[in-house]
């Protein structure tokens, strides 16, 4: 794998990790501590899902509602 690809992939993974941490922080500040299942879902989510969940933080009445795939 070319060096550029490795660097690009590492940056993307780092950005995704940062987005997941920020979402978890926002949820914890609004709703209180998250459980292991919620944290696991956040950590394993793709970027599109993290963005969709971030959009719901201020309208939802619980962390579970934010992470609900049906919303």
C-alpha atoms as a PDB file:
ATOM      1  CA  UNK A   1       0.000   0.000   0.000  1.00  0.00           C
ATOM      2  CA  UNK A   2       1.422   3.400  -0.938  1.00  0.00           C
ATOM      3  CA  UNK A   3       2.464   5.726   1.877  1.00  0.00           C
ATOM      4  CA  UNK A   4      -0.107   8.358   0.817  1.00  0.00           C
ATOM      5  CA  UNK A   5      -2.909   5.794   1.191  1.00  0.00           C
ATOM      6  CA  UNK A   6      -1.735   4.838   4.668  1.00  0.00           C
ATOM      7  CA  UNK A   7      -1.510   8.478   5.737  1.00  0.00           C
ATOM      8  CA  UNK A   8      -4.927   9.278   4.259  1.00  0.00           C
ATOM      9  CA  UNK A   9      -6.534   6.273   5.925  1.00  0.00           C
ATOM     10  CA  UNK A  10      -4.929   7.133   9.269  1.00  0.00           C
ATOM     11  CA  UNK A  11      -6.259  10.686   9.057  1.00  0.00           C
ATOM     12  CA  UNK A  12      -9.729   9.451   8.195  1.00  0.00           C
ATOM     13  CA  UNK A  13      -9.711   7.006  11.122  1.00  0.00           C
ATOM     14  CA  UNK A  14      -8.501   9.752  13.454  1.00  0.00           C
ATOM     15  CA  UNK A  15     -11.222  12.112  12.279  1.00  0.00           C
ATOM     16  CA  UNK A  16     -13.876   9.413  12.742  1.00  0.00           C
ATOM     17  CA  UNK A  17     -12.614   8.677  16.258  1.00  0.00           C
ATOM     18  CA  UNK A  18     -12.759  12.389  17.104  1.00  0.00           C
ATOM     19  CA  UNK A  19     -16.314  12.690  15.782  1.00  0.00           C
ATOM     20  CA  UNK A  20     -17.377   9.686  17.861  1.00  0.00           C
ATOM     21  CA  UNK A  21     -15.798  11.168  20.999  1.00  0.00           C
ATOM     22  CA  UNK A  22     -17.516  14.500  20.406  1.00  0.00           C
ATOM     23  CA  UNK A  23     -20.914  12.857  19.920  1.00  0.00           C
ATOM     24  CA  UNK A  24     -20.453  10.793  23.088  1.00  0.00           C
ATOM     25  CA  UNK A  25     -19.541  13.940  25.009  1.00  0.00           C
ATOM     26  CA  UNK A  26     -22.566  15.822  23.693  1.00  0.00           C
ATOM     27  CA  UNK A  27     -24.873  12.950  24.646  1.00  0.00           C
ATOM     28  CA  UNK A  28     -23.358  12.620  28.117  1.00  0.00           C
ATOM     29  CA  UNK A  29     -23.659  16.361  28.769  1.00  0.00           C
ATOM     30  CA  UNK A  30     -27.311  16.333  27.721  1.00  0.00           C
ATOM     31  CA  UNK A  31     -28.538  12.974  29.030  1.00  0.00           C
ATOM     32  CA  UNK A  32     -25.975  11.745  31.563  1.00  0.00           C
ATOM     33  CA  UNK A  33     -23.611   8.766  31.453  1.00  0.00           C
ATOM     34  CA  UNK A  34     -23.886   6.421  28.491  1.00  0.00           C
ATOM     35  CA  UNK A  35     -23.933   2.658  28.908  1.00  0.00           C
ATOM     36  CA  UNK A  36     -21.442   0.292  27.275  1.00  0.00           C
ATOM     37  CA  UNK A  37     -23.865  -0.644  24.489  1.00  0.00           C
ATOM     38  CA  UNK A  38     -24.425   3.001  23.542  1.00  0.00           C
ATOM     39  CA  UNK A  39     -20.691   3.750  23.602  1.00  0.00           C
ATOM     40  CA  UNK A  40     -19.992   0.671  21.483  1.00  0.00           C
ATOM     41  CA  UNK A  41     -22.534   1.738  18.869  1.00  0.00           C
ATOM     42  CA  UNK A  42     -21.008   5.206  18.703  1.00  0.00           C
ATOM     43  CA  UNK A  43     -17.443   3.870  18.397  1.00  0.00           C
ATOM     44  CA  UNK A  44     -18.380   1.460  15.607  1.00  0.00           C
ATOM     45  CA  UNK A  45     -20.546   3.868  13.586  1.00  0.00           C
ATOM     46  CA  UNK A  46     -19.525   5.226  10.215  1.00  0.00           C
ATOM     47  CA  UNK A  47     -19.209   8.939   9.534  1.00  0.00           C
ATOM     48  CA  UNK A  48     -22.631   9.310   7.914  1.00  0.00           C
ATOM     49  CA  UNK A  49     -24.321   7.704  10.921  1.00  0.00           C
ATOM     50  CA  UNK A  50     -22.392   9.878  13.387  1.00  0.00           C
ATOM     51  CA  UNK A  51     -23.507  12.997  11.512  1.00  0.00           C
ATOM     52  CA  UNK A  52     -27.144  11.840  11.493  1.00  0.00           C
ATOM     53  CA  UNK A  53     -27.021  11.145  15.235  1.00  0.00           C
ATOM     54  CA  UNK A  54     -25.360  14.502  15.892  1.00  0.00           C
ATOM     55  CA  UNK A  55     -28.260  16.221  14.141  1.00  0.00           C
ATOM     56  CA  UNK A  56     -30.693  14.562  16.571  1.00  0.00           C
ATOM     57  CA  UNK A  57     -28.959  15.476  19.846  1.00  0.00           C
ATOM     58  CA  UNK A  58     -30.955  18.646  20.461  1.00  0.00           C
ATOM     59  CA  UNK A  59     -34.368  17.319  19.405  1.00  0.00           C
ATOM     60  CA  UNK A  60     -34.350  13.944  21.163  1.00  0.00           C
ATOM     61  CA  UNK A  61     -35.418  13.378  24.753  1.00  0.00           C
ATOM     62  CA  UNK A  62     -32.953  10.540  25.444  1.00  0.00           C
ATOM     63  CA  UNK A  63     -29.667   9.120  24.189  1.00  0.00           C
ATOM     64  CA  UNK A  64     -31.527   6.020  23.003  1.00  0.00           C
ATOM     65  CA  UNK A  65     -33.757   8.201  20.798  1.00  0.00           C
ATOM     66  CA  UNK A  66     -30.662   9.788  19.253  1.00  0.00           C
ATOM     67  CA  UNK A  67     -29.163   6.378  18.496  1.00  0.00           C
ATOM     68  CA  UNK A  68     -32.460   4.874  17.307  1.00  0.00           C
ATOM     69  CA  UNK A  69     -32.041   3.791  13.689  1.00  0.00           C
ATOM     70  CA  UNK A  70     -35.764   4.296  13.034  1.00  0.00           C
ATOM     71  CA  UNK A  71     -35.693   8.052  13.764  1.00  0.00           C
END
